[in-house]
Amino acid sequence: MKRKKKREQPTFVRRSILMQHNSNRTLLGLLVMILAVILTGCSDDNGVSSEVQDTEFTYDEEFNTVAVKDYGKGTGTMTWSSDTTWILDGFVFVNEGQTLTIEPGTVIKGRSGQGANASALIIARGGTIMAQGTAEEPIIFTSEFDDLDGSVQIGTRGLWGGVIILGEARINTAAGEGQIEGIPSTEPRGAYGGNNDTDNSGVFTYVSIRYGGTDIGEGNEINGLTMGAVGSETTIHHVEVFFNHDDGFEWFGGTVNTKYLISAFNLDDCFDYDEGFRGMGQYWFSIQAANVGDRAGEHDGGTTPEDGTPYAIPEIRNVTYIGTGAASGVAENLTFMIRDNAGGKYYNSIFTDFADAAIEVEDLESGQDSKQRLDDGDLVFSNNIWYGYEAGATLADIAPQEFVQDYLAANSNSIVDPQLGGISRTDGSGGLDPRPNMAGPAASGATAPTDAYFDNVGYYGAFEPGAALWMDGWTALDELGYTP
């Protein structure tokens, strides 16, 4: 990972200008100084040009930082370079028709604040994000208080907002579109949904999102990565969400496919979907903190109406979900809560170390529900390993609903120790090694996929026994010494 020289927190008081950007402009220091003089004479009382209500960039040359504040016209089409630290000052949008490119190794920091003062990066419908990090030079989103030296206290959450990508794929609400959570309802650029399931919002790879999830209102926090109606032509893989105050990842409808996702120590759910999400996923990993954590998978089908179509039927393979610890005492630390007519298909996965039961499936007295999705083959749990539950060591213990017990027993689900290398929630310990033993029961026996998107691997879970960890080099888990 490329390291920047440690810097003190900038005060951003030296120079403020307002620039109108288009596709062929870049940020040049000399141009900044010239325009600062020109625009001084046409500024209103708060220093913002009365003629050009655009994005404001506040520069601190000594610390090589740029703070970005959105006045309604978004970022424009531009590149955020890795030799600069970019500061999100409030909600910053990539508007329809705009493209934001973020270079490998770039650090983006969100200013603290709640409600109207929250900071987040939002890619609006029709906007494009090209954030292509690498394992050696990841893109990092974090708090303005994070010097990337391990000084942020472990357990800190909610210091800024998060990242939101909005697209034009289908969702299953009656209106066919929605207003994304975490964004005020008065902001029209927070809308998502449409009729294009192959919509392309760009590329988002090798990205670490840290210490986010601030509140914008009562019970309305921002997820680490929120995807609203994101289409299947969007590329998302190798993304980590670390110590977020809400969910790690949440999908609202859409069809985007993802690989190599990490949800680590987030306050609420690890992976949450709703409103007809139909993407594919492989190699998802989650570990929850020892003192807080809700469900690894909170899976909802619809909202208004709950039985709206298309149904939520994603296909997910080779995941490893680790709970808060069987003896942690955290209430309702379930592996899965499946409701609101949700479907979904899990294969070749490992679920372990949860303080409650494994799974609850909605079973209504009448109408469409998740039990109906199970009966119709839209909800599938096949060839998975379940182990280490406080609730007990039998299917009857971990799946209290009798119809779920019967289903799991009939579909090659086993309760057996996957023999992971180690489970640790302590930074610097090097004790978190979720790779199964090469000679253990999770090393072979996985079933083959039918879709070409999936890799055909023989092992269970998100990590290949005996191979290098794909978390190495680009994650906070690696950087802070959780992993070997």
Protein backbone atom coordinates (compact mmCIF):
# COMPACT_ATOMS: atom_id res chain seq x y z
CA MET A 1 0.00 0.00 0.00
CA LYS A 2 1.37 3.42 -0.88
CA ARG A 3 1.88 5.56 2.23
CA LYS A 4 1.70 9.31 2.45
CA LYS A 5 3.80 11.35 4.84
CA LYS A 6 1.92 11.83 8.11
CA ARG A 7 0.23 15.21 8.23
CA GLU A 8 -1.36 17.33 10.89
CA GLN A 9 -5.05 18.14 10.42
CA PRO A 10 -5.37 21.05 7.97
CA THR A 11 -7.34 24.17 8.84
CA PHE A 12 -8.33 25.05 5.28
CA VAL A 13 -8.17 28.79 5.84
CA ARG A 14 -5.65 29.88 3.27
CA ARG A 15 -7.35 30.07 -0.06
CA SER A 16 -10.94 29.66 -1.30
CA ILE A 17 -12.11 29.90 -4.90
CA LEU A 18 -15.04 28.81 -6.97
CA MET A 19 -14.50 27.08 -10.29
CA GLN A 20 -16.80 25.85 -13.01
CA HIS A 21 -15.58 22.49 -14.28
CA ASN A 22 -16.13 20.75 -17.55
CA SER A 23 -14.73 17.63 -19.13
CA ASN A 24 -11.43 19.18 -20.25
CA ARG A 25 -10.42 21.13 -17.12
CA THR A 26 -8.07 19.99 -14.40
CA LEU A 27 -7.05 21.52 -11.11
CA LEU A 28 -3.82 23.46 -11.60
CA GLY A 29 -2.27 25.45 -8.81
CA LEU A 30 -1.40 28.44 -11.02
CA LEU A 31 -4.94 28.67 -12.39
CA VAL A 32 -6.25 28.56 -8.85
CA MET A 33 -4.28 31.64 -7.85
CA ILE A 34 -5.32 33.58 -10.95
CA LEU A 35 -9.01 32.77 -10.57
CA ALA A 36 -8.92 33.59 -6.87
CA VAL A 37 -8.04 37.17 -7.74
CA ILE A 38 -10.59 37.42 -10.56
CA LEU A 39 -13.49 36.04 -8.53
CA THR A 40 -12.85 38.14 -5.43
CA GLY A 41 -14.71 41.06 -6.93
CA CYS A 42 -17.89 39.10 -7.76
CA SER A 43 -18.40 37.16 -4.54
CA ASP A 44 -21.34 37.51 -2.21
CA ASP A 45 -21.06 37.74 1.57
CA ASN A 46 -20.14 34.07 2.09
CA GLY A 47 -17.39 34.05 -0.53
CA VAL A 48 -19.37 32.12 -3.14
CA SER A 49 -19.66 33.59 -6.61
CA SER A 50 -23.15 34.99 -7.22
CA GLU A 51 -22.73 34.29 -10.93
CA VAL A 52 -21.54 30.67 -10.80
CA GLN A 53 -23.19 28.49 -8.17
CA ASP A 54 -20.97 25.46 -8.65
CA THR A 55 -18.63 23.27 -6.64
CA GLU A 56 -16.30 25.04 -4.24
CA PHE A 57 -12.72 23.78 -3.81
CA THR A 58 -10.79 24.93 -0.76
CA TYR A 59 -7.07 24.39 -1.01
CA ASP A 60 -4.33 23.97 1.54
CA GLU A 61 -1.09 23.87 -0.42
CA GLU A 62 1.18 23.09 2.51
CA PHE A 63 -0.68 19.89 3.28
CA ASN A 64 -1.67 19.21 -0.35
CA THR A 65 -5.35 18.86 0.44
CA VAL A 66 -8.52 19.89 -1.36
CA ALA A 67 -11.90 20.22 0.34
CA VAL A 68 -14.91 19.79 -1.98
CA LYS A 69 -18.29 21.37 -1.26
CA ASP A 70 -21.27 20.81 -3.55
CA TYR A 71 -23.55 23.74 -4.43
CA GLY A 72 -25.84 21.78 -6.72
CA LYS A 73 -23.88 21.15 -9.90
CA GLY A 74 -21.90 18.19 -8.65
CA THR A 75 -18.22 17.51 -9.15
CA GLY A 76 -18.21 18.00 -12.87
CA THR A 77 -16.12 15.59 -14.95
CA MET A 78 -12.73 15.47 -13.30
CA THR A 79 -10.01 13.32 -11.74
CA TRP A 80 -9.12 13.10 -8.07
CA SER A 81 -5.38 12.43 -8.07
CA SER A 82 -3.43 10.34 -5.60
CA ASP A 83 -0.98 13.14 -4.78
CA THR A 84 -3.81 15.05 -3.07
CA THR A 85 -6.00 14.24 -0.09
CA TRP A 86 -9.61 15.06 -0.97
CA ILE A 87 -11.98 16.23 1.77
CA LEU A 88 -15.76 15.73 1.43
CA ASP A 89 -17.37 18.80 2.96
CA GLY A 90 -21.04 17.77 3.10
CA PHE A 91 -22.91 15.76 0.47
CA VAL A 92 -20.86 15.72 -2.74
CA PHE A 93 -22.64 14.44 -5.87
CA VAL A 94 -21.49 13.11 -9.20
CA ASN A 95 -24.44 14.32 -11.25
CA GLU A 96 -26.07 12.84 -14.32
CA GLY A 97 -23.68 13.02 -17.26
CA GLN A 98 -20.62 13.58 -15.07
CA THR A 99 -17.71 11.19 -14.51
CA LEU A 100 -15.52 11.22 -11.42
CA THR A 101 -12.25 9.33 -11.83
CA ILE A 102 -10.30 8.45 -8.68
CA GLU A 103 -6.70 7.35 -9.12
CA PRO A 104 -5.25 4.28 -7.36
CA GLY A 105 -3.79 5.18 -3.97
CA THR A 106 -6.06 8.21 -3.47
CA VAL A 107 -7.31 9.04 0.05
CA ILE A 108 -10.73 10.70 0.42
CA LYS A 109 -11.74 11.94 3.88
CA GLY A 110 -15.19 12.92 5.08
CA ARG A 111 -15.73 15.83 7.42
CA SER A 112 -17.63 15.05 10.58
CA GLY A 113 -21.22 16.16 11.11
CA GLN A 114 -24.74 14.87 11.36
CA GLY A 115 -28.03 15.73 9.68
CA ALA A 116 -27.62 18.45 7.09
CA ASN A 117 -23.90 18.60 7.92
CA ALA A 118 -23.20 14.94 7.10
CA SER A 119 -20.55 14.18 4.48
CA ALA A 120 -20.82 11.53 1.78
CA LEU A 121 -19.99 10.84 -1.85
CA ILE A 122 -23.11 10.12 -3.94
CA ILE A 123 -23.07 8.96 -7.54
CA ALA A 124 -26.48 10.04 -8.84
CA ARG A 125 -28.49 8.28 -11.56
CA GLY A 126 -26.70 8.79 -14.84
CA GLY A 127 -23.44 9.70 -13.11
CA THR A 128 -20.31 7.55 -13.37
CA ILE A 129 -17.64 6.65 -10.84
CA MET A 130 -14.31 5.29 -12.09
CA ALA A 131 -12.56 4.30 -8.85
CA GLN A 132 -10.03 1.64 -9.82
CA GLY A 133 -7.69 0.95 -6.95
CA THR A 134 -5.26 -1.95 -6.84
CA ALA A 135 -4.10 -4.37 -4.14
CA GLU A 136 -0.88 -2.34 -3.88
CA GLU A 137 -2.58 1.07 -4.10
CA PRO A 138 -6.13 0.89 -2.75
CA ILE A 139 -8.52 3.83 -2.67
CA ILE A 140 -9.37 4.73 0.94
CA PHE A 141 -12.45 6.57 2.16
CA THR A 142 -12.15 7.53 5.81
CA SER A 143 -12.67 10.29 8.38
CA GLU A 144 -10.90 13.63 8.42
CA PHE A 145 -9.54 12.57 11.82
CA ASP A 146 -7.82 9.45 10.45
CA ASP A 147 -4.11 9.93 9.78
CA LEU A 148 -3.90 6.34 8.48
CA ASP A 149 -1.44 5.49 11.23
CA GLY A 150 -3.70 3.38 13.44
CA SER A 151 -4.43 6.28 15.79
CA VAL A 152 -8.24 6.09 15.41
CA GLN A 153 -9.49 4.22 18.47
CA ILE A 154 -10.78 0.74 17.69
CA GLY A 155 -14.55 0.72 18.03
CA THR A 156 -14.98 4.23 16.61
CA ARG A 157 -17.88 4.55 14.18
CA GLY A 158 -20.01 7.27 12.61
CA LEU A 159 -17.31 9.89 12.04
CA TRP A 160 -18.63 10.70 8.54
CA GLY A 161 -21.16 9.32 6.04
CA GLY A 162 -20.28 6.78 3.37
CA VAL A 163 -20.50 6.07 -0.36
CA ILE A 164 -23.79 5.82 -2.25
CA ILE A 165 -24.18 4.65 -5.86
CA LEU A 166 -27.56 5.14 -7.56
CA GLY A 167 -28.65 3.63 -10.85
CA GLU A 168 -31.53 3.03 -13.22
CA ALA A 169 -32.16 -0.70 -12.85
CA ARG A 170 -35.55 -2.01 -11.75
CA ILE A 171 -36.80 -2.06 -8.19
CA ASN A 172 -40.09 -3.62 -7.04
CA THR A 173 -41.89 -0.70 -5.43
CA ALA A 174 -45.22 0.40 -6.88
CA ALA A 175 -43.70 3.71 -7.96
CA GLY A 176 -40.76 2.06 -9.71
CA GLU A 177 -38.31 4.42 -8.07
CA GLY A 178 -37.37 5.51 -4.57
CA GLN A 179 -35.47 8.06 -2.50
CA ILE A 180 -32.35 6.50 -1.06
CA GLU A 181 -31.95 6.28 2.71
CA GLY A 182 -29.24 8.44 4.18
CA ILE A 183 -30.09 11.39 1.91
CA PRO A 184 -32.69 14.06 2.81
CA SER A 185 -35.99 13.53 0.97
CA THR A 186 -35.77 17.10 -0.33
CA GLU A 187 -32.71 16.23 -2.46
CA PRO A 188 -33.92 15.17 -5.95
CA ARG A 189 -30.52 13.71 -6.79
CA GLY A 190 -31.17 11.01 -4.17
CA ALA A 191 -33.66 9.23 -6.46
CA TYR A 192 -32.94 5.75 -7.82
CA GLY A 193 -34.66 3.16 -10.02
CA GLY A 194 -35.73 2.82 -13.64
CA ASN A 195 -36.11 0.17 -16.35
CA ASN A 196 -32.51 -0.56 -17.35
CA ASP A 197 -31.23 -3.68 -15.57
CA THR A 198 -27.94 -3.46 -17.48
CA ASP A 199 -27.30 0.12 -16.34
CA ASN A 200 -23.64 1.03 -15.85
CA SER A 201 -22.59 3.30 -12.98
CA GLY A 202 -18.88 2.69 -13.54
CA VAL A 203 -16.14 0.85 -11.66
CA PHE A 204 -15.53 0.58 -7.91
CA THR A 205 -12.64 -1.78 -7.07
CA TYR A 206 -10.04 -2.19 -4.32
CA VAL A 207 -11.71 0.34 -2.05
CA SER A 208 -11.64 0.50 1.75
CA ILE A 209 -14.41 2.51 3.49
CA ARG A 210 -13.69 3.22 7.16
CA TYR A 211 -15.38 4.69 10.27
CA GLY A 212 -18.54 5.95 8.51
CA GLY A 213 -22.28 5.75 9.09
CA THR A 214 -23.19 9.12 10.60
CA ASP A 215 -26.86 9.93 11.36
CA ILE A 216 -28.82 12.27 9.14
CA GLY A 217 -31.97 11.82 11.22
CA GLU A 218 -33.55 9.56 13.82
CA GLY A 219 -32.82 5.98 12.78
CA ASN A 220 -31.50 7.11 9.39
CA GLU A 221 -27.81 6.37 9.09
CA ILE A 222 -25.64 6.01 6.02
CA ASN A 223 -24.39 2.52 5.14
CA GLY A 224 -20.77 1.92 4.24
CA LEU A 225 -21.64 1.23 0.60
CA THR A 226 -25.25 1.75 -0.47
CA MET A 227 -26.36 0.58 -3.92
CA GLY A 228 -29.73 1.80 -5.14
CA ALA A 229 -30.93 0.16 -8.38
CA VAL A 230 -27.36 -0.34 -9.59
CA GLY A 231 -27.25 -2.25 -12.89
CA SER A 232 -25.35 -5.34 -13.97
CA GLU A 233 -22.83 -3.54 -16.19
CA THR A 234 -21.39 -1.80 -13.12
CA THR A 235 -18.15 -3.38 -11.87
CA ILE A 236 -17.78 -3.78 -8.09
CA HIS A 237 -15.24 -6.04 -6.40
CA HIS A 238 -12.68 -5.96 -3.58
CA VAL A 239 -14.51 -3.52 -1.30
CA GLU A 240 -14.10 -3.36 2.48
CA VAL A 241 -16.40 -1.59 4.96
CA PHE A 242 -14.70 -1.26 8.35
CA PHE A 243 -16.35 -0.07 11.60
CA ASN A 244 -19.45 1.52 10.07
CA HIS A 245 -22.26 2.77 12.32
CA ASP A 246 -24.97 1.15 10.18
CA ASP A 247 -24.89 -1.73 7.69
CA GLY A 248 -21.77 -2.68 5.82
CA PHE A 249 -23.43 -3.14 2.41
CA GLU A 250 -27.04 -2.56 1.39
CA TRP A 251 -28.76 -3.08 -1.94
CA PHE A 252 -32.10 -1.54 -2.90
CA GLY A 253 -33.18 -3.48 -5.96
CA GLY A 254 -30.91 -3.64 -8.96
CA THR A 255 -28.83 -6.34 -10.57
CA VAL A 256 -25.19 -5.46 -9.84
CA ASN A 257 -22.82 -8.42 -9.38
CA THR A 258 -20.06 -8.34 -6.77
CA LYS A 259 -17.06 -10.35 -5.60
CA TYR A 260 -14.65 -10.05 -2.68
CA LEU A 261 -16.67 -7.94 -0.24
CA ILE A 262 -15.69 -7.48 3.42
CA SER A 263 -18.01 -6.27 6.19
CA ALA A 264 -15.89 -5.93 9.35
CA PHE A 265 -17.12 -4.87 12.80
CA ASN A 266 -20.08 -2.83 11.61
CA LEU A 267 -22.81 -1.88 14.08
CA ASP A 268 -25.89 -3.20 12.32
CA ASP A 269 -26.19 -5.80 9.54
CA CYS A 270 -23.34 -7.03 7.39
CA PHE A 271 -25.17 -7.60 4.09
CA ASP A 272 -28.68 -6.22 3.64
CA TYR A 273 -30.88 -6.29 0.54
CA ASP A 274 -34.39 -5.11 -0.27
CA GLU A 275 -36.75 -4.04 -3.07
CA GLY A 276 -36.06 -6.85 -5.51
CA PHE A 277 -32.27 -7.17 -5.56
CA ARG A 278 -31.26 -9.82 -8.14
CA GLY A 279 -27.49 -9.64 -8.43
CA MET A 280 -24.89 -12.37 -8.02
CA GLY A 281 -22.20 -12.47 -5.36
CA GLN A 282 -19.17 -14.59 -4.54
CA TYR A 283 -16.46 -14.44 -1.87
CA TRP A 284 -18.26 -12.27 0.66
CA PHE A 285 -16.73 -12.17 4.15
CA SER A 286 -18.07 -10.72 7.38
CA ILE A 287 -16.90 -10.64 10.97
CA GLN A 288 -18.79 -8.88 13.72
CA ALA A 289 -17.47 -7.18 16.85
CA ALA A 290 -17.68 -8.99 20.18
CA ASN A 291 -20.01 -6.41 21.75
CA VAL A 292 -22.40 -5.32 18.98
CA GLY A 293 -23.81 -6.61 15.71
CA ASP A 294 -27.17 -7.54 14.32
CA ARG A 295 -27.62 -10.01 11.43
CA ALA A 296 -25.01 -11.15 8.98
CA GLY A 297 -27.75 -11.22 6.35
CA GLU A 298 -30.91 -9.17 6.70
CA HIS A 299 -32.80 -10.00 3.54
CA ASP A 300 -36.06 -8.27 2.63
CA GLY A 301 -38.08 -8.72 -0.53
CA GLY A 302 -40.14 -5.57 -0.91
CA THR A 303 -41.52 -2.53 0.88
CA THR A 304 -44.49 -1.01 -0.93
CA PRO A 305 -45.83 -3.57 -1.65
CA GLU A 306 -43.94 -6.34 0.12
CA ASP A 307 -44.88 -8.80 -2.62
CA GLY A 308 -43.90 -6.52 -5.49
CA THR A 309 -42.11 -7.92 -8.52
CA PRO A 310 -39.43 -8.62 -9.55
CA TYR A 311 -38.80 -10.73 -6.47
CA ALA A 312 -35.52 -10.44 -4.58
CA ILE A 313 -33.67 -13.58 -5.68
CA PRO A 314 -29.90 -12.96 -5.68
CA GLU A 315 -27.53 -15.91 -6.00
CA ILE A 316 -24.62 -15.93 -3.54
CA ARG A 317 -21.78 -18.46 -3.36
CA ASN A 318 -18.70 -19.07 -1.25
CA VAL A 319 -19.24 -16.71 1.64
CA THR A 320 -17.88 -16.87 5.18
CA TYR A 321 -19.98 -15.15 7.84
CA ILE A 322 -18.57 -14.92 11.40
CA GLY A 323 -20.85 -13.56 14.13
CA THR A 324 -20.17 -11.72 17.38
CA GLY A 325 -19.02 -14.92 19.09
CA ALA A 326 -21.13 -17.77 20.40
CA ALA A 327 -20.51 -16.68 24.00
CA SER A 328 -20.74 -12.90 23.38
CA GLY A 329 -24.26 -12.54 24.72
CA VAL A 330 -25.23 -10.11 21.94
CA ALA A 331 -29.01 -10.33 21.57
CA GLU A 332 -30.52 -11.36 18.23
CA ASN A 333 -27.16 -12.04 16.64
CA LEU A 334 -28.72 -14.19 13.91
CA THR A 335 -27.01 -15.31 10.76
CA PHE A 336 -30.15 -14.62 8.67
CA MET A 337 -33.42 -12.76 9.04
CA ILE A 338 -35.43 -13.37 5.87
CA ARG A 339 -38.75 -11.56 5.49
CA ASP A 340 -41.03 -9.40 3.38
CA ASN A 341 -41.27 -12.06 0.68
CA ALA A 342 -37.51 -12.22 0.15
CA GLY A 343 -35.88 -15.04 -1.75
CA GLY A 344 -32.17 -15.59 -2.30
CA LYS A 345 -29.85 -18.53 -2.90
CA TYR A 346 -26.79 -19.47 -0.83
CA TYR A 347 -24.39 -22.26 -1.80
CA ASN A 348 -21.04 -23.61 -0.58
CA SER A 349 -20.80 -21.25 2.38
CA ILE A 350 -19.64 -21.22 6.01
CA PHE A 351 -21.65 -19.64 8.84
CA THR A 352 -20.13 -19.72 12.32
CA ASP A 353 -19.74 -18.18 15.81
CA PHE A 354 -23.13 -16.52 16.32
CA ALA A 355 -24.69 -15.67 19.70
CA ASP A 356 -28.22 -16.63 18.64
CA ALA A 357 -29.87 -18.95 16.15
CA ALA A 358 -28.99 -19.40 12.50
CA ILE A 359 -32.08 -18.43 10.54
CA GLU A 360 -35.62 -17.14 10.77
CA VAL A 361 -37.92 -17.21 7.74
CA GLU A 362 -41.10 -15.13 7.53
CA ASP A 363 -44.21 -17.34 7.65
CA LEU A 364 -47.46 -15.36 7.37
CA GLU A 365 -50.96 -16.73 7.82
CA SER A 366 -51.89 -15.66 4.30
CA GLY A 367 -50.41 -14.05 1.20
CA GLN A 368 -46.95 -14.15 -0.33
CA ASP A 369 -44.13 -14.52 2.17
CA SER A 370 -40.57 -15.84 2.41
CA LYS A 371 -41.81 -19.32 3.27
CA GLN A 372 -43.59 -19.28 -0.08
CA ARG A 373 -40.32 -18.32 -1.73
CA LEU A 374 -38.73 -21.33 0.02
CA ASP A 375 -41.50 -23.63 -1.16
CA ASP A 376 -41.23 -22.32 -4.73
CA GLY A 377 -37.44 -22.69 -4.92
CA ASP A 378 -36.70 -18.95 -4.85
CA LEU A 379 -35.13 -19.21 -1.38
CA VAL A 380 -32.32 -21.77 -1.31
CA PHE A 381 -29.73 -22.87 1.26
CA SER A 382 -27.82 -25.76 -0.27
CA ASN A 383 -24.52 -27.43 0.61
CA ASN A 384 -23.51 -25.09 3.45
CA ILE A 385 -21.69 -25.53 6.76
CA TRP A 386 -23.19 -24.17 10.01
CA TYR A 387 -21.15 -24.35 13.20
CA GLY A 388 -20.52 -22.79 16.61
CA TYR A 389 -23.92 -21.42 17.68
CA GLU A 390 -24.84 -20.49 21.23
CA ALA A 391 -28.31 -21.82 20.46
CA GLY A 392 -26.95 -25.37 20.19
CA ALA A 393 -25.38 -27.94 17.95
CA THR A 394 -28.33 -29.48 16.10
CA LEU A 395 -30.56 -28.25 13.31
CA ALA A 396 -33.44 -28.15 15.78
CA ASP A 397 -31.38 -25.82 17.98
CA ILE A 398 -30.16 -23.39 15.34
CA ALA A 399 -33.30 -23.35 13.16
CA PRO A 400 -36.28 -23.16 15.57
CA GLN A 401 -38.90 -23.30 12.77
CA GLU A 402 -39.62 -26.94 11.98
CA PHE A 403 -40.11 -26.36 8.25
CA VAL A 404 -36.68 -24.74 8.12
CA GLN A 405 -35.10 -27.68 9.96
CA ASP A 406 -36.63 -30.10 7.49
CA TYR A 407 -35.51 -28.02 4.53
CA LEU A 408 -31.88 -27.68 5.70
CA ALA A 409 -31.67 -31.41 6.43
CA ALA A 410 -32.92 -32.24 2.93
CA ASN A 411 -30.51 -29.90 1.12
CA SER A 412 -27.01 -30.98 2.15
CA ASN A 413 -26.54 -28.56 5.04
CA SER A 414 -24.23 -29.88 7.75
CA ILE A 415 -23.23 -28.95 11.27
CA VAL A 416 -19.51 -29.62 11.35
CA ASP A 417 -16.41 -27.69 12.39
CA PRO A 418 -15.04 -26.01 9.23
CA GLN A 419 -11.64 -25.83 10.97
CA LEU A 420 -10.88 -22.21 10.20
CA GLY A 421 -7.33 -21.05 10.84
CA GLY A 422 -8.43 -18.68 13.60
CA ILE A 423 -11.08 -16.20 14.71
CA SER A 424 -9.83 -13.01 16.38
CA ARG A 425 -11.37 -9.57 16.77
CA THR A 426 -8.20 -7.93 18.13
CA ASP A 427 -6.05 -5.61 16.06
CA GLY A 428 -2.36 -6.48 15.97
CA SER A 429 -3.00 -10.06 16.98
CA GLY A 430 -2.64 -11.63 13.55
CA GLY A 431 -5.20 -14.15 14.72
CA LEU A 432 -7.95 -13.68 12.13
CA ASP A 433 -7.40 -16.42 9.59
CA PRO A 434 -10.69 -17.52 7.98
CA ARG A 435 -9.07 -20.07 5.66
CA PRO A 436 -10.28 -23.63 6.23
CA ASN A 437 -7.86 -26.41 7.06
CA MET A 438 -6.55 -28.00 3.87
CA ALA A 439 -7.44 -31.42 5.24
CA GLY A 440 -10.74 -30.40 6.84
CA PRO A 441 -14.37 -30.81 5.76
CA ALA A 442 -14.55 -27.36 4.10
CA ALA A 443 -11.61 -27.98 1.77
CA SER A 444 -13.61 -29.92 -0.80
CA GLY A 445 -17.12 -30.92 -1.79
CA ALA A 446 -18.52 -27.64 -3.14
CA THR A 447 -21.09 -27.86 -5.92
CA ALA A 448 -20.49 -26.33 -9.33
CA PRO A 449 -22.27 -23.13 -10.40
CA THR A 450 -24.37 -22.82 -13.52
CA ASP A 451 -23.65 -19.15 -14.32
CA ALA A 452 -20.35 -18.15 -15.92
CA TYR A 453 -20.00 -15.18 -13.54
CA PHE A 454 -19.03 -17.55 -10.73
CA ASP A 455 -15.66 -19.22 -10.34
CA ASN A 456 -15.97 -22.98 -10.13
CA VAL A 457 -14.08 -23.80 -6.92
CA GLY A 458 -14.16 -26.97 -4.85
CA TYR A 459 -13.96 -25.46 -1.35
CA TYR A 460 -16.54 -23.96 1.00
CA GLY A 461 -16.42 -20.36 2.15
CA ALA A 462 -14.76 -17.21 0.88
CA PHE A 463 -11.13 -18.29 1.17
CA GLU A 464 -9.14 -21.02 -0.51
CA PRO A 465 -7.40 -23.37 1.91
CA GLY A 466 -3.63 -22.96 1.76
CA ALA A 467 -3.72 -19.96 -0.57
CA ALA A 468 -2.80 -16.35 0.19
CA LEU A 469 -5.55 -14.25 1.75
CA TRP A 470 -7.18 -12.03 -0.85
CA MET A 471 -7.53 -9.41 1.91
CA ASP A 472 -3.76 -8.85 1.97
CA GLY A 473 -2.34 -5.47 1.05
CA TRP A 474 -5.42 -3.31 0.55
CA THR A 475 -7.62 -3.66 3.67
CA ALA A 476 -7.71 -2.14 7.14
CA LEU A 477 -7.88 -5.71 8.46
CA ASP A 478 -4.44 -6.33 6.99
CA GLU A 479 -3.00 -2.88 7.68
CA LEU A 480 -3.96 -2.95 11.37
CA GLY A 481 -2.73 -6.48 11.92
CA TYR A 482 -5.93 -8.45 12.39
CA THR A 483 -4.86 -11.03 9.82
CA PRO A 484 -1.67 -13.11 9.81
